[in-house]
Amino acid sequence: MVAAVSKAGGFGVLGAVAHTPDLLDTELSWIEEQVGDRKAPG
């Protein structure tokens, strides 16, 4: 869902409290692969 929202121009948010460091790294890597290097408008 984070990737889809980000691709659509929104601000995708990942709740990371329940993630282990390894799982968080995996999730963030996957999101980066899906979204690419998008920059915030400004």
PDB file of N, CA and C in Angstrom:
ATOM      1  N   MET A   1       0.815  -1.184   0.000  1.00  0.00           N
ATOM      2  CA  MET A   1       0.000   0.000   0.000  1.00  0.00           C
ATOM      3  C   MET A   1       0.867   1.261   0.000  1.00  0.00           C
ATOM      4  N   VAL A   2       1.972   1.226   0.720  1.00  0.00           N
ATOM      5  CA  VAL A   2       2.865   2.385   0.772  1.00  0.00           C
ATOM      6  C   VAL A   2       3.364   2.735  -0.631  1.00  0.00           C
ATOM      7  N   ALA A   3       3.780   1.723  -1.382  1.00  0.00           N
ATOM      8  CA  ALA A   3       4.294   1.966  -2.728  1.00  0.00           C
ATOM      9  C   ALA A   3       3.209   2.520  -3.639  1.00  0.00           C
ATOM     10  N   ALA A   4       2.012   1.972  -3.571  1.00  0.00           N
ATOM     11  CA  ALA A   4       0.910   2.430  -4.426  1.00  0.00           C
ATOM     12  C   ALA A   4       0.555   3.880  -4.136  1.00  0.00           C
ATOM     13  N   VAL A   5       0.480   4.238  -2.878  1.00  0.00           N
ATOM     14  CA  VAL A   5       0.160   5.617  -2.504  1.00  0.00           C
ATOM     15  C   VAL A   5       1.259   6.556  -2.982  1.00  0.00           C
ATOM     16  N   SER A   6       2.506   6.148  -2.800  1.00  0.00           N
ATOM     17  CA  SER A   6       3.632   6.982  -3.218  1.00  0.00           C
ATOM     18  C   SER A   6       3.666   7.158  -4.733  1.00  0.00           C
ATOM     19  N   LYS A   7       3.403   6.084  -5.472  1.00  0.00           N
ATOM     20  CA  LYS A   7       3.380   6.169  -6.930  1.00  0.00           C
ATOM     21  C   LYS A   7       2.282   7.105  -7.417  1.00  0.00           C
ATOM     22  N   ALA A   8       1.189   7.173  -6.664  1.00  0.00           N
ATOM     23  CA  ALA A   8       0.062   8.021  -7.044  1.00  0.00           C
ATOM     24  C   ALA A   8       0.278   9.480  -6.640  1.00  0.00           C
ATOM     25  N   GLY A   9       1.410   9.772  -6.017  1.00  0.00           N
ATOM     26  CA  GLY A   9       1.714  11.144  -5.647  1.00  0.00           C
ATOM     27  C   GLY A   9       1.419  11.481  -4.200  1.00  0.00           C
ATOM     28  N   GLY A  10       0.949  10.503  -3.449  1.00  0.00           N
ATOM     29  CA  GLY A  10       0.652  10.731  -2.033  1.00  0.00           C
ATOM     30  C   GLY A  10       1.882  10.498  -1.174  1.00  0.00           C
ATOM     31  N   PHE A  11       1.678  10.538   0.116  1.00  0.00           N
ATOM     32  CA  PHE A  11       2.749  10.337   1.083  1.00  0.00           C
ATOM     33  C   PHE A  11       2.515   8.999   1.766  1.00  0.00           C
ATOM     34  N   GLY A  12       3.130   7.945   1.225  1.00  0.00           N
ATOM     35  CA  GLY A  12       2.972   6.609   1.796  1.00  0.00           C
ATOM     36  C   GLY A  12       3.708   6.509   3.119  1.00  0.00           C
ATOM     37  N   VAL A  13       3.073   5.898   4.117  1.00  0.00           N
ATOM     38  CA  VAL A  13       3.659   5.789   5.452  1.00  0.00           C
ATOM     39  C   VAL A  13       3.688   4.325   5.866  1.00  0.00           C
ATOM     40  N   LEU A  14       4.841   3.873   6.340  1.00  0.00           N
ATOM     41  CA  LEU A  14       5.006   2.504   6.817  1.00  0.00           C
ATOM     42  C   LEU A  14       5.103   2.528   8.334  1.00  0.00           C
ATOM     43  N   GLY A  15       4.182   1.851   9.001  1.00  0.00           N
ATOM     44  CA  GLY A  15       4.265   1.719  10.455  1.00  0.00           C
ATOM     45  C   GLY A  15       5.309   0.662  10.794  1.00  0.00           C
ATOM     46  N   ALA A  16       6.405   1.062  11.387  1.00  0.00           N
ATOM     47  CA  ALA A  16       7.547   0.169  11.549  1.00  0.00           C
ATOM     48  C   ALA A  16       7.774  -0.309  12.978  1.00  0.00           C
ATOM     49  N   VAL A  17       6.896   0.002  13.893  1.00  0.00           N
ATOM     50  CA  VAL A  17       7.118  -0.333  15.300  1.00  0.00           C
ATOM     51  C   VAL A  17       7.247  -1.835  15.524  1.00  0.00           C
ATOM     52  N   ALA A  18       6.441  -2.626  14.838  1.00  0.00           N
ATOM     53  CA  ALA A  18       6.432  -4.074  15.064  1.00  0.00           C
ATOM     54  C   ALA A  18       7.449  -4.811  14.195  1.00  0.00           C
ATOM     55  N   HIS A  19       8.241  -4.103  13.394  1.00  0.00           N
ATOM     56  CA  HIS A  19       9.203  -4.732  12.500  1.00  0.00           C
ATOM     57  C   HIS A  19      10.545  -4.945  13.192  1.00  0.00           C
ATOM     58  N   THR A  20      11.163  -6.079  12.912  1.00  0.00           N
ATOM     59  CA  THR A  20      12.547  -6.283  13.344  1.00  0.00           C
ATOM     60  C   THR A  20      13.437  -5.472  12.401  1.00  0.00           C
ATOM     61  N   PRO A  21      14.668  -5.198  12.788  1.00  0.00           N
ATOM     62  CA  PRO A  21      15.551  -4.456  11.886  1.00  0.00           C
ATOM     63  C   PRO A  21      15.713  -5.133  10.519  1.00  0.00           C
ATOM     64  N   ASP A  22      15.829  -6.452  10.502  1.00  0.00           N
ATOM     65  CA  ASP A  22      15.979  -7.166   9.233  1.00  0.00           C
ATOM     66  C   ASP A  22      14.719  -7.067   8.378  1.00  0.00           C
ATOM     67  N   LEU A  23      13.556  -7.225   8.989  1.00  0.00           N
ATOM     68  CA  LEU A  23      12.301  -7.123   8.243  1.00  0.00           C
ATOM     69  C   LEU A  23      12.086  -5.705   7.746  1.00  0.00           C
ATOM     70  N   LEU A  24      12.424  -4.729   8.551  1.00  0.00           N
ATOM     71  CA  LEU A  24      12.292  -3.334   8.139  1.00  0.00           C
ATOM     72  C   LEU A  24      13.192  -3.055   6.927  1.00  0.00           C
ATOM     73  N   ASP A  25      14.414  -3.547   6.950  1.00  0.00           N
ATOM     74  CA  ASP A  25      15.316  -3.374   5.823  1.00  0.00           C
ATOM     75  C   ASP A  25      14.740  -4.016   4.563  1.00  0.00           C
ATOM     76  N   THR A  26      14.171  -5.205   4.694  1.00  0.00           N
ATOM     77  CA  THR A  26      13.560  -5.891   3.565  1.00  0.00           C
ATOM     78  C   THR A  26      12.383  -5.097   3.015  1.00  0.00           C
ATOM     79  N   GLU A  27      11.514  -4.625   3.886  1.00  0.00           N
ATOM     80  CA  GLU A  27      10.345  -3.856   3.460  1.00  0.00           C
ATOM     81  C   GLU A  27      10.746  -2.549   2.773  1.00  0.00           C
ATOM     82  N   LEU A  28      11.696  -1.841   3.351  1.00  0.00           N
ATOM     83  CA  LEU A  28      12.129  -0.570   2.765  1.00  0.00           C
ATOM     84  C   LEU A  28      12.809  -0.774   1.413  1.00  0.00           C
ATOM     85  N   SER A  29      13.566  -1.840   1.290  1.00  0.00           N
ATOM     86  CA  SER A  29      14.205  -2.143   0.005  1.00  0.00           C
ATOM     87  C   SER A  29      13.154  -2.434  -1.059  1.00  0.00           C
ATOM     88  N   TRP A  30      12.132  -3.197  -0.708  1.00  0.00           N
ATOM     89  CA  TRP A  30      11.061  -3.523  -1.654  1.00  0.00           C
ATOM     90  C   TRP A  30      10.323  -2.253  -2.078  1.00  0.00           C
ATOM     91  N   ILE A  31      10.022  -1.395  -1.120  1.00  0.00           N
ATOM     92  CA  ILE A  31       9.318  -0.142  -1.440  1.00  0.00           C
ATOM     93  C   ILE A  31      10.169   0.701  -2.377  1.00  0.00           C
ATOM     94  N   GLU A  32      11.463   0.803  -2.106  1.00  0.00           N
ATOM     95  CA  GLU A  32      12.343   1.590  -2.966  1.00  0.00           C
ATOM     96  C   GLU A  32      12.388   1.020  -4.387  1.00  0.00           C
ATOM     97  N   GLU A  33      12.384  -0.302  -4.512  1.00  0.00           N
ATOM     98  CA  GLU A  33      12.369  -0.937  -5.829  1.00  0.00           C
ATOM     99  C   GLU A  33      11.074  -0.595  -6.579  1.00  0.00           C
ATOM    100  N   GLN A  34       9.968  -0.550  -5.869  1.00  0.00           N
ATOM    101  CA  GLN A  34       8.675  -0.303  -6.496  1.00  0.00           C
ATOM    102  C   GLN A  34       8.492   1.161  -6.879  1.00  0.00           C
ATOM    103  N   VAL A  35       8.940   2.045  -6.033  1.00  0.00           N
ATOM    104  CA  VAL A  35       8.680   3.477  -6.209  1.00  0.00           C
ATOM    105  C   VAL A  35       9.799   4.154  -6.998  1.00  0.00           C
ATOM    106  N   GLY A  36      11.011   3.703  -6.840  1.00  0.00           N
ATOM    107  CA  GLY A  36      12.141   4.347  -7.496  1.00  0.00           C
ATOM    108  C   GLY A  36      12.632   5.519  -6.668  1.00  0.00           C
ATOM    109  N   ASP A  37      13.323   6.409  -7.322  1.00  0.00           N
ATOM    110  CA  ASP A  37      13.934   7.544  -6.633  1.00  0.00           C
ATOM    111  C   ASP A  37      13.073   8.792  -6.809  1.00  0.00           C
ATOM    112  N   ARG A  38      11.867   8.722  -6.314  1.00  0.00           N
ATOM    113  CA  ARG A  38      10.946   9.867  -6.446  1.00  0.00           C
ATOM    114  C   ARG A  38      11.329  10.929  -5.421  1.00  0.00           C
ATOM    115  N   LYS A  39      11.277  12.138  -5.833  1.00  0.00           N
ATOM    116  CA  LYS A  39      11.556  13.277  -4.948  1.00  0.00           C
ATOM    117  C   LYS A  39      10.257  13.991  -4.639  1.00  0.00           C
ATOM    118  N   ALA A  40      10.173  14.547  -3.453  1.00  0.00           N
ATOM    119  CA  ALA A  40       8.989  15.324  -3.074  1.00  0.00           C
ATOM    120  C   ALA A  40       8.915  16.577  -3.929  1.00  0.00           C
ATOM    121  N   PRO A  41       7.705  16.962  -4.345  1.00  0.00           N
ATOM    122  CA  PRO A  41       7.594  18.195  -5.123  1.00  0.00           C
ATOM    123  C   PRO A  41       8.039  19.389  -4.284  1.00  0.00           C
ATOM    124  N   GLY A  42       8.628  20.347  -4.914  1.00  0.00           N
ATOM    125  CA  GLY A  42       9.046  21.483  -4.119  1.00  0.00           C
ATOM    126  C   GLY A  42       9.699  22.478  -4.900  1.00  0.00           C
TER     127      GLY A  42
END
